[in-house]
Amino acid sequence: MKKVKTLKDGTEVIIRPLTDNDFEKSFQFFQELPPEDREYLRVDVTQRDLVEQRIKTMKDKNVKRIAALCDDKIVADAALELEGVGWKEGVAELRIIISRSFQRKGLGIIMAGELYLLA
């Protein structure tokens, strides 16, 4: 699943699954987030080992991660995290974070839609 999407301002982004090879791009994306945006994340993404662990959890069938890239740089990160146990089997959490320079351009809605399709 690799899709090219056009944002409200005409910028094109590539939406695709995050891969093991995206570690450096992912780490750089999280480092560039303002501290106030990182407050909402469950893990401290300023630590390399935690970002690496986060990417490794993709092998777990209950976590699907996608990224939006512009000029080969991650500008948004999104995850579909399925509960998958007992009565929560149909319950999922969507987690989306968008780079400040790409906010208010429709990228969040695009990422949510792509996660919905994965669900």
Foldseek 3Di string as FASTA:
>chain_A
DWDWDAWQVRAIKIKDWDALVCLVLQLVLVVPADPVLCVPDPDDSPDSVVSNVVRVCCVPVQKTKMFIDHPNHTFKIKMWGQPCDDPSNVPIDIDMDGHPVCPPGCVVVVRVVVVVVVD
